[in-house]
């Protein structure tokens, strides 16, 4: 009986496996560009494209549009896709197919974004390194790891350095897990934008201008971001100057900000270590630019900040918030702009924000501090502030369910 069951299980596994799965082995060296792109084009569902150890000198972006393909190297510091001489393409690697796994390789010095996936469901970014050499600068690519318009996204054990927008960015997507990764020396370390259901946990966001951003912006095909959990992260010493190109939305991120929650709903920030951020450990804010879309909600709503350990903050504020310190207003661990009114398509709108702080601790042996700026409207300058340090009441804000990914 046992032999029959084992035989049946083996037959089932064989039936489930691709009968003609192939491994395409690609070596660095002359014509690496053509050979690697040919493998990505020739691969069929179930195939693996294997990068040998070494540096692949590439001059154009790569693309993959075949489902169920794995692109695998021998390690993020062993198999390296170098785009230092890139003259063609808007990114290093573009993926537009489903069920793709990218693992164990590095991407360096892309002309634009490092690795972008668009409309790529159930994609996995595993053990990758993406970065730009030298001091952080505006000419670096905007994003390091950049999945957009996708479902079931996993980013695990990745390292991104030097992005002029966000190191790890997921936008207009749903069901997202970013974990055990390092983002440093970017403008924004990790950013969740216009997305639904995300877990961002056990990461390190350090030496960025802003550590972790949870944004929702107007004018995009998917908006109304909600149900985001940010937990068990180390978000410390985010002190790199903001080097984003002028006009970029993250160019307004004040250097020295740990976490920014803007215009997103049901965001839970808990069990993190957040400190040594010169502007603020946590900034909760409305979207303050002009809004043409009548359906857009500019306010952060249902924000729970609990069980975090806060270190120093507010000692070197940047941007508009520097005016407050100059006026003698002490900046706290958690800073809220106090806005409950915004103007969309010319119509003023008002709504409760529902912000709650609970069971947070200070590493400085002082009470956790909070400040509402009391700004009257989302577009108000800080000079209109009427500061109020009264701690918000404790509210019941149900936590989103953990994100479960089919490919995890």
Protein backbone atom coordinates (compact mmCIF):
# COMPACT_ATOMS: atom_id res chain seq x y z
CA UNK A 1 0.00 0.00 0.00
CA UNK A 2 2.81 2.41 0.96
CA UNK A 3 4.65 1.63 -2.29
CA UNK A 4 1.49 2.38 -4.27
CA UNK A 5 1.02 5.73 -2.50
CA UNK A 6 4.65 6.74 -3.09
CA UNK A 7 4.42 5.78 -6.76
CA UNK A 8 1.26 7.83 -7.11
CA UNK A 9 2.92 10.85 -5.45
CA UNK A 10 5.91 10.62 -7.79
CA UNK A 11 3.66 10.45 -10.82
CA UNK A 12 1.78 13.52 -9.59
CA UNK A 13 5.03 15.46 -9.17
CA UNK A 14 6.19 14.48 -12.63
CA UNK A 15 2.89 15.55 -14.10
CA UNK A 16 3.09 18.92 -12.34
CA UNK A 17 6.67 19.62 -13.48
CA UNK A 18 7.30 21.12 -16.93
CA UNK A 19 8.25 18.22 -19.17
CA UNK A 20 10.75 20.30 -21.16
CA UNK A 21 12.04 22.71 -18.49
CA UNK A 22 15.48 23.93 -19.47
CA UNK A 23 18.34 25.79 -17.81
CA UNK A 24 19.98 28.43 -19.99
CA UNK A 25 23.53 29.01 -18.72
CA UNK A 26 25.00 32.40 -19.58
CA UNK A 27 28.64 33.36 -19.00
CA UNK A 28 30.03 36.92 -18.82
CA UNK A 29 32.39 38.09 -21.53
CA UNK A 30 32.14 39.16 -25.14
CA UNK A 31 28.59 39.38 -26.52
CA UNK A 32 27.10 38.88 -23.04
CA UNK A 33 24.39 41.42 -23.91
CA UNK A 34 23.18 39.45 -26.91
CA UNK A 35 23.54 36.03 -25.29
CA UNK A 36 21.67 37.02 -22.13
CA UNK A 37 18.85 38.78 -23.94
CA UNK A 38 18.55 35.83 -26.34
CA UNK A 39 18.16 33.48 -23.38
CA UNK A 40 15.44 35.71 -21.87
CA UNK A 41 13.61 35.74 -25.21
CA UNK A 42 14.08 32.03 -25.89
CA UNK A 43 13.09 30.83 -22.42
CA UNK A 44 9.79 29.01 -22.09
CA UNK A 45 7.51 28.71 -19.02
CA UNK A 46 9.30 26.69 -16.35
CA UNK A 47 12.81 27.51 -17.62
CA UNK A 48 15.70 28.98 -15.63
CA UNK A 49 18.22 31.48 -16.97
CA UNK A 50 21.37 30.95 -14.91
CA UNK A 51 23.99 33.70 -14.59
CA UNK A 52 27.52 32.43 -14.04
CA UNK A 53 29.89 34.08 -11.62
CA UNK A 54 31.40 37.29 -12.93
CA UNK A 55 30.59 40.75 -14.21
CA UNK A 56 28.30 41.14 -17.20
CA UNK A 57 29.15 44.42 -18.96
CA UNK A 58 25.90 45.56 -20.58
CA UNK A 59 25.09 48.55 -22.78
CA UNK A 60 21.31 48.23 -23.10
CA UNK A 61 18.38 47.33 -20.89
CA UNK A 62 17.18 43.73 -20.66
CA UNK A 63 13.58 42.53 -20.86
CA UNK A 64 11.62 39.42 -19.90
CA UNK A 65 8.03 38.80 -20.97
CA UNK A 66 7.69 35.01 -20.54
CA UNK A 67 5.67 33.60 -17.63
CA UNK A 68 7.14 31.24 -15.01
CA UNK A 69 10.81 31.98 -15.68
CA UNK A 70 13.55 32.16 -13.05
CA UNK A 71 16.56 34.45 -13.53
CA UNK A 72 19.18 33.28 -11.06
CA UNK A 73 22.76 34.17 -10.30
CA UNK A 74 25.36 32.78 -7.92
CA UNK A 75 25.05 35.60 -5.41
CA UNK A 76 24.45 39.36 -5.34
CA UNK A 77 28.21 40.02 -5.20
CA UNK A 78 29.18 37.18 -7.52
CA UNK A 79 26.90 37.49 -10.55
CA UNK A 80 26.74 41.19 -11.41
CA UNK A 81 24.85 42.91 -14.21
CA UNK A 82 26.82 46.11 -14.74
CA UNK A 83 25.14 48.90 -16.71
CA UNK A 84 27.95 51.43 -16.30
CA UNK A 85 28.20 51.71 -20.09
CA UNK A 86 24.43 51.66 -20.72
CA UNK A 87 23.32 53.78 -23.68
CA UNK A 88 19.90 52.23 -24.44
CA UNK A 89 16.86 51.47 -22.30
CA UNK A 90 14.96 53.15 -19.48
CA UNK A 91 15.94 50.57 -16.85
CA UNK A 92 18.35 47.71 -16.28
CA UNK A 93 15.81 44.88 -16.38
CA UNK A 94 12.11 45.13 -17.24
CA UNK A 95 9.77 42.23 -16.41
CA UNK A 96 6.23 42.17 -17.82
CA UNK A 97 5.25 38.53 -17.21
CA UNK A 98 3.74 36.59 -14.31
CA UNK A 99 5.20 34.07 -11.85
CA UNK A 100 8.77 35.27 -12.34
CA UNK A 101 11.53 34.75 -9.76
CA UNK A 102 14.60 37.00 -9.70
CA UNK A 103 17.28 35.86 -7.28
CA UNK A 104 20.93 35.94 -6.28
CA UNK A 105 22.44 38.62 -8.52
CA UNK A 106 23.48 42.25 -8.43
CA UNK A 107 22.54 45.18 -10.65
CA UNK A 108 24.82 48.21 -10.82
CA UNK A 109 24.79 51.72 -12.28
CA UNK A 110 21.69 51.57 -14.46
CA UNK A 111 20.90 54.65 -16.49
CA UNK A 112 17.33 54.63 -15.12
CA UNK A 113 15.55 52.28 -12.73
CA UNK A 114 17.38 49.19 -11.55
CA UNK A 115 14.81 46.39 -11.88
CA UNK A 116 11.25 47.26 -12.89
CA UNK A 117 8.30 44.92 -13.17
CA UNK A 118 4.96 46.08 -14.53
CA UNK A 119 1.75 44.07 -14.52
CA UNK A 120 3.81 41.13 -13.25
CA UNK A 121 1.72 39.13 -10.79
CA UNK A 122 3.27 36.76 -8.24
CA UNK A 123 6.76 38.14 -8.82
CA UNK A 124 9.54 37.39 -6.35
CA UNK A 125 12.63 39.54 -5.77
CA UNK A 126 15.00 37.41 -3.66
CA UNK A 127 18.56 38.05 -2.48
CA UNK A 128 19.24 40.88 -4.90
CA UNK A 129 21.54 43.90 -4.70
CA UNK A 130 20.85 47.08 -6.68
CA UNK A 131 22.93 50.22 -6.45
CA UNK A 132 24.82 53.13 -7.96
CA UNK A 133 28.50 53.83 -7.35
CA UNK A 134 29.85 56.98 -5.71
CA UNK A 135 28.09 59.60 -3.64
CA UNK A 136 24.27 59.73 -3.91
CA UNK A 137 23.31 62.06 -6.77
CA UNK A 138 20.25 63.20 -8.73
CA UNK A 139 21.48 61.53 -11.92
CA UNK A 140 21.16 58.07 -10.34
CA UNK A 141 18.16 55.98 -11.38
CA UNK A 142 14.90 56.84 -9.63
CA UNK A 143 14.06 53.38 -8.27
CA UNK A 144 16.15 50.36 -7.34
CA UNK A 145 13.51 47.63 -7.05
CA UNK A 146 10.31 48.85 -8.72
CA UNK A 147 7.23 46.60 -9.03
CA UNK A 148 4.13 48.45 -10.20
CA UNK A 149 0.55 47.55 -11.16
CA UNK A 150 0.98 44.03 -9.83
CA UNK A 151 -0.60 41.55 -7.44
CA UNK A 152 1.19 39.28 -4.94
CA UNK A 153 4.63 40.91 -4.77
CA UNK A 154 7.45 39.57 -2.59
CA UNK A 155 10.71 41.42 -1.89
CA UNK A 156 12.95 39.43 0.46
CA UNK A 157 16.59 39.83 1.55
CA UNK A 158 17.38 42.58 -0.93
CA UNK A 159 19.81 45.50 -0.66
CA UNK A 160 19.33 48.82 -2.47
CA UNK A 161 21.61 51.85 -2.30
CA UNK A 162 21.66 55.22 -4.05
CA UNK A 163 18.22 55.55 -5.69
CA UNK A 164 17.26 59.17 -6.40
CA UNK A 165 13.62 58.43 -5.56
CA UNK A 166 12.98 55.20 -3.63
CA UNK A 167 15.25 52.23 -3.06
CA UNK A 168 12.44 49.67 -2.77
CA UNK A 169 9.18 50.97 -4.21
CA UNK A 170 5.87 49.20 -4.77
CA UNK A 171 3.14 51.23 -6.46
CA UNK A 172 -0.47 50.71 -7.55
CA UNK A 173 -0.33 47.09 -6.46
CA UNK A 174 -2.03 44.79 -3.96
CA UNK A 175 -0.90 42.01 -1.65
CA UNK A 176 2.70 42.99 -0.97
CA UNK A 177 5.39 41.72 1.39
CA UNK A 178 8.71 43.52 1.83
CA UNK A 179 10.88 41.85 4.44
CA UNK A 180 14.44 41.29 5.68
CA UNK A 181 15.86 43.90 3.31
CA UNK A 182 18.26 46.83 3.61
CA UNK A 183 17.63 50.25 2.08
CA UNK A 184 20.31 52.87 2.64
CA UNK A 185 21.61 56.07 1.02
CA UNK A 186 18.42 56.52 -1.03
CA UNK A 187 16.08 59.52 -0.99
CA UNK A 188 13.32 57.23 0.31
CA UNK A 189 14.40 53.88 1.66
CA UNK A 190 11.17 51.91 1.21
CA UNK A 191 7.97 53.31 -0.28
CA UNK A 192 4.46 51.89 -0.55
CA UNK A 193 2.37 54.07 -2.86
CA UNK A 194 -1.29 53.83 -3.93
CA UNK A 195 -1.36 50.18 -2.91
CA UNK A 196 -3.70 47.86 -1.02
CA UNK A 197 -2.67 45.32 1.64
CA UNK A 198 1.05 45.48 2.35
CA UNK A 199 3.27 44.09 5.10
CA UNK A 200 6.65 45.83 5.50
CA UNK A 201 8.58 44.06 8.23
CA UNK A 202 12.01 43.11 9.60
CA UNK A 203 13.81 45.57 7.33
CA UNK A 204 16.55 48.11 7.97
CA UNK A 205 16.00 51.61 6.56
CA UNK A 206 18.99 53.78 7.41
CA UNK A 207 21.05 56.67 6.01
CA UNK A 208 18.24 57.68 3.62
CA UNK A 209 16.62 61.12 3.53
CA UNK A 210 13.38 59.41 4.64
CA UNK A 211 13.26 55.85 5.95
CA UNK A 212 9.85 54.38 5.09
CA UNK A 213 7.07 56.19 3.20
CA UNK A 214 3.41 55.19 2.94
CA UNK A 215 1.87 57.51 0.36
CA UNK A 216 -1.27 57.87 -1.71
CA UNK A 217 -1.20 60.34 -4.60
CA UNK A 218 -3.86 61.77 -6.92
CA UNK A 219 -4.06 61.32 -10.66
CA UNK A 220 -3.01 57.65 -10.79
CA UNK A 221 -5.04 54.71 -12.16
CA UNK A 222 -5.20 53.14 -8.69
CA UNK A 223 -5.65 55.32 -5.62
CA UNK A 224 -7.19 55.06 -2.20
CA UNK A 225 -4.28 53.13 -0.66
CA UNK A 226 -5.18 51.21 2.48
CA UNK A 227 -4.40 48.37 4.88
CA UNK A 228 -0.66 48.78 5.38
CA UNK A 229 1.30 47.24 8.28
CA UNK A 230 4.83 48.48 9.01
CA UNK A 231 6.37 46.46 11.84
CA UNK A 232 9.58 45.14 13.39
CA UNK A 233 11.77 47.42 11.30
CA UNK A 234 14.88 49.35 12.28
CA UNK A 235 14.37 52.91 11.00
CA UNK A 236 17.33 54.86 12.32
CA UNK A 237 19.81 57.56 11.36
CA UNK A 238 18.12 58.69 8.18
CA UNK A 239 20.42 61.64 7.60
CA UNK A 240 21.39 61.59 3.91
CA UNK A 241 20.63 64.90 2.19
CA UNK A 242 17.65 64.81 -0.13
CA UNK A 243 19.19 64.50 -3.61
CA UNK A 244 15.99 63.94 -5.61
CA UNK A 245 15.70 65.86 -8.89
CA UNK A 246 13.65 69.08 -8.55
CA UNK A 247 9.93 68.56 -9.12
CA UNK A 248 9.95 64.96 -7.91
CA UNK A 249 7.31 64.34 -5.20
CA UNK A 250 9.97 62.94 -2.83
CA UNK A 251 12.05 66.10 -3.26
CA UNK A 252 9.79 67.49 -0.51
CA UNK A 253 10.73 64.74 1.98
CA UNK A 254 12.64 66.43 4.80
CA UNK A 255 16.06 64.96 5.42
CA UNK A 256 15.99 63.22 8.77
CA UNK A 257 12.52 61.67 8.69
CA UNK A 258 11.98 58.12 9.90
CA UNK A 259 8.44 57.35 8.66
CA UNK A 260 6.01 59.45 6.62
CA UNK A 261 2.35 58.47 6.35
CA UNK A 262 0.54 60.61 3.80
CA UNK A 263 -3.07 60.39 2.60
CA UNK A 264 -3.33 56.65 3.23
CA UNK A 265 -5.98 54.75 5.20
CA UNK A 266 -5.71 52.08 7.89
CA UNK A 267 -1.96 52.23 8.42
CA UNK A 268 -0.52 50.41 11.45
CA UNK A 269 3.01 51.24 12.59
CA UNK A 270 4.12 48.96 15.43
CA UNK A 271 7.03 47.17 17.10
CA UNK A 272 9.63 49.25 15.25
CA UNK A 273 12.83 50.88 16.51
CA UNK A 274 12.80 54.46 15.20
CA UNK A 275 15.44 56.98 16.23
CA UNK A 276 18.29 59.36 15.39
CA UNK A 277 16.12 61.04 12.76
CA UNK A 278 16.87 64.75 12.86
CA UNK A 279 13.48 66.04 11.67
CA UNK A 280 10.95 63.58 13.11
CA UNK A 281 10.68 59.91 13.88
CA UNK A 282 7.14 59.81 12.45
CA UNK A 283 5.39 62.39 10.30
CA UNK A 284 1.65 62.03 9.60
CA UNK A 285 0.47 64.44 6.95
CA UNK A 286 -2.11 65.32 4.33
CA UNK A 287 -1.23 65.73 0.66
CA UNK A 288 -0.70 69.46 0.31
CA UNK A 289 -0.49 70.21 -3.41
CA UNK A 290 -3.32 71.24 -5.70
CA UNK A 291 -5.86 68.44 -6.33
CA UNK A 292 -7.83 68.29 -9.58
CA UNK A 293 -9.37 64.87 -8.93
CA UNK A 294 -12.67 65.21 -7.04
CA UNK A 295 -12.53 61.56 -5.91
CA UNK A 296 -9.14 61.85 -4.18
CA UNK A 297 -8.92 61.96 -0.38
CA UNK A 298 -5.88 63.93 0.77
CA UNK A 299 -6.05 62.93 4.45
CA UNK A 300 -4.35 60.13 6.36
CA UNK A 301 -7.10 58.18 8.14
CA UNK A 302 -7.22 55.45 10.77
CA UNK A 303 -3.54 55.53 11.68
CA UNK A 304 -2.38 53.42 14.64
CA UNK A 305 1.11 53.99 16.09
CA UNK A 306 1.79 51.50 18.90
CA UNK A 307 4.51 49.61 20.75
CA UNK A 308 7.39 51.39 19.01
CA UNK A 309 10.70 52.31 20.64
CA UNK A 310 11.63 55.91 19.83
CA UNK A 311 15.14 57.32 19.96
CA UNK A 312 16.22 60.92 19.40
CA UNK A 313 14.45 63.07 16.85
CA UNK A 314 13.70 66.70 16.02
CA UNK A 315 17.22 67.97 16.79
CA UNK A 316 18.07 69.04 13.19
CA UNK A 317 14.84 69.60 11.26
CA UNK A 318 15.03 70.22 7.52
CA UNK A 319 12.80 71.92 4.98
CA UNK A 320 9.74 73.87 6.10
CA UNK A 321 9.85 72.29 9.55
CA UNK A 322 13.10 74.07 10.34
CA UNK A 323 11.01 77.25 10.71
CA UNK A 324 9.23 75.73 13.71
CA UNK A 325 12.42 74.98 15.57
CA UNK A 326 13.69 78.49 14.83
CA UNK A 327 10.47 79.79 16.39
CA UNK A 328 11.16 77.77 19.52
CA UNK A 329 8.67 74.95 18.87
CA UNK A 330 10.19 71.63 20.03
CA UNK A 331 9.69 68.89 17.44
CA UNK A 332 8.38 65.57 18.81
CA UNK A 333 8.66 61.86 18.13
CA UNK A 334 5.32 61.90 16.28
CA UNK A 335 4.39 65.01 14.33
CA UNK A 336 0.94 65.43 12.76
CA UNK A 337 0.11 68.37 10.55
CA UNK A 338 -3.29 68.54 12.26
CA UNK A 339 -5.13 68.92 8.96
CA UNK A 340 -8.73 67.73 8.71
CA UNK A 341 -9.74 69.90 5.73
CA UNK A 342 -8.54 69.71 2.14
CA UNK A 343 -9.68 71.09 -1.20
CA UNK A 344 -10.31 68.72 -4.12
CA UNK A 345 -11.43 70.04 -7.51
CA UNK A 346 -12.21 73.37 -5.87
CA UNK A 347 -14.46 71.93 -3.16
CA UNK A 348 -13.45 72.03 0.54
CA UNK A 349 -13.88 68.72 2.36
CA UNK A 350 -13.61 67.86 6.01
CA UNK A 351 -13.18 64.48 7.68
CA UNK A 352 -11.89 63.10 11.00
CA UNK A 353 -8.38 61.70 10.70
CA UNK A 354 -8.56 59.16 13.61
CA UNK A 355 -4.96 59.01 14.78
CA UNK A 356 -4.07 56.89 17.82
CA UNK A 357 -0.85 56.40 19.81
CA UNK A 358 -0.61 53.51 22.24
CA UNK A 359 2.10 51.86 24.37
CA UNK A 360 5.06 53.49 22.65
CA UNK A 361 8.31 53.87 24.60
CA UNK A 362 11.21 56.28 24.56
CA UNK A 363 14.86 55.19 24.65
CA UNK A 364 15.65 58.55 26.29
CA UNK A 365 13.84 57.80 29.57
CA UNK A 366 11.37 60.57 28.80
CA UNK A 367 7.72 60.37 27.76
CA UNK A 368 7.00 59.83 24.08
CA UNK A 369 6.24 63.24 22.58
CA UNK A 370 3.52 64.27 20.15
CA UNK A 371 2.63 67.50 18.41
CA UNK A 372 -0.23 68.56 16.20
CA UNK A 373 0.58 71.59 14.10
CA UNK A 374 -3.10 72.43 13.86
CA UNK A 375 -2.85 73.59 10.25
CA UNK A 376 -6.24 74.77 8.98
CA UNK A 377 -6.06 73.34 5.43
CA UNK A 378 -3.83 70.80 3.69
CA UNK A 379 -2.08 73.50 1.66
CA UNK A 380 -1.33 75.73 4.68
CA UNK A 381 2.31 76.72 5.30
CA UNK A 382 3.93 75.86 8.66
CA UNK A 383 3.78 79.54 9.59
CA UNK A 384 -0.01 79.07 10.00
CA UNK A 385 0.54 76.44 12.69
CA UNK A 386 -1.21 76.52 16.06
CA UNK A 387 0.79 73.80 17.83
CA UNK A 388 -0.92 71.51 20.33
CA UNK A 389 1.02 68.82 22.23
CA UNK A 390 -2.08 67.06 23.60
CA UNK A 391 -1.69 63.33 23.05
CA UNK A 392 -4.46 61.82 20.88
CA UNK A 393 -6.94 59.55 22.61
CA UNK A 394 -6.63 55.78 22.30
CA UNK A 395 -8.96 54.55 19.57
CA UNK A 396 -10.03 51.12 18.38
CA UNK A 397 -8.64 50.81 14.86
CA UNK A 398 -8.83 47.21 13.61
CA UNK A 399 -5.50 45.95 12.28
CA UNK A 400 -5.40 44.64 8.69
CA UNK A 401 -5.04 40.90 8.25
CA UNK A 402 -1.52 39.59 7.53
CA UNK A 403 -0.70 39.40 3.84
CA UNK A 404 -0.50 35.84 2.52
CA UNK A 405 1.19 35.30 -0.82
CA UNK A 406 0.53 32.19 -2.94
CA UNK A 407 4.19 31.97 -3.99
CA UNK A 408 5.64 32.34 -0.46
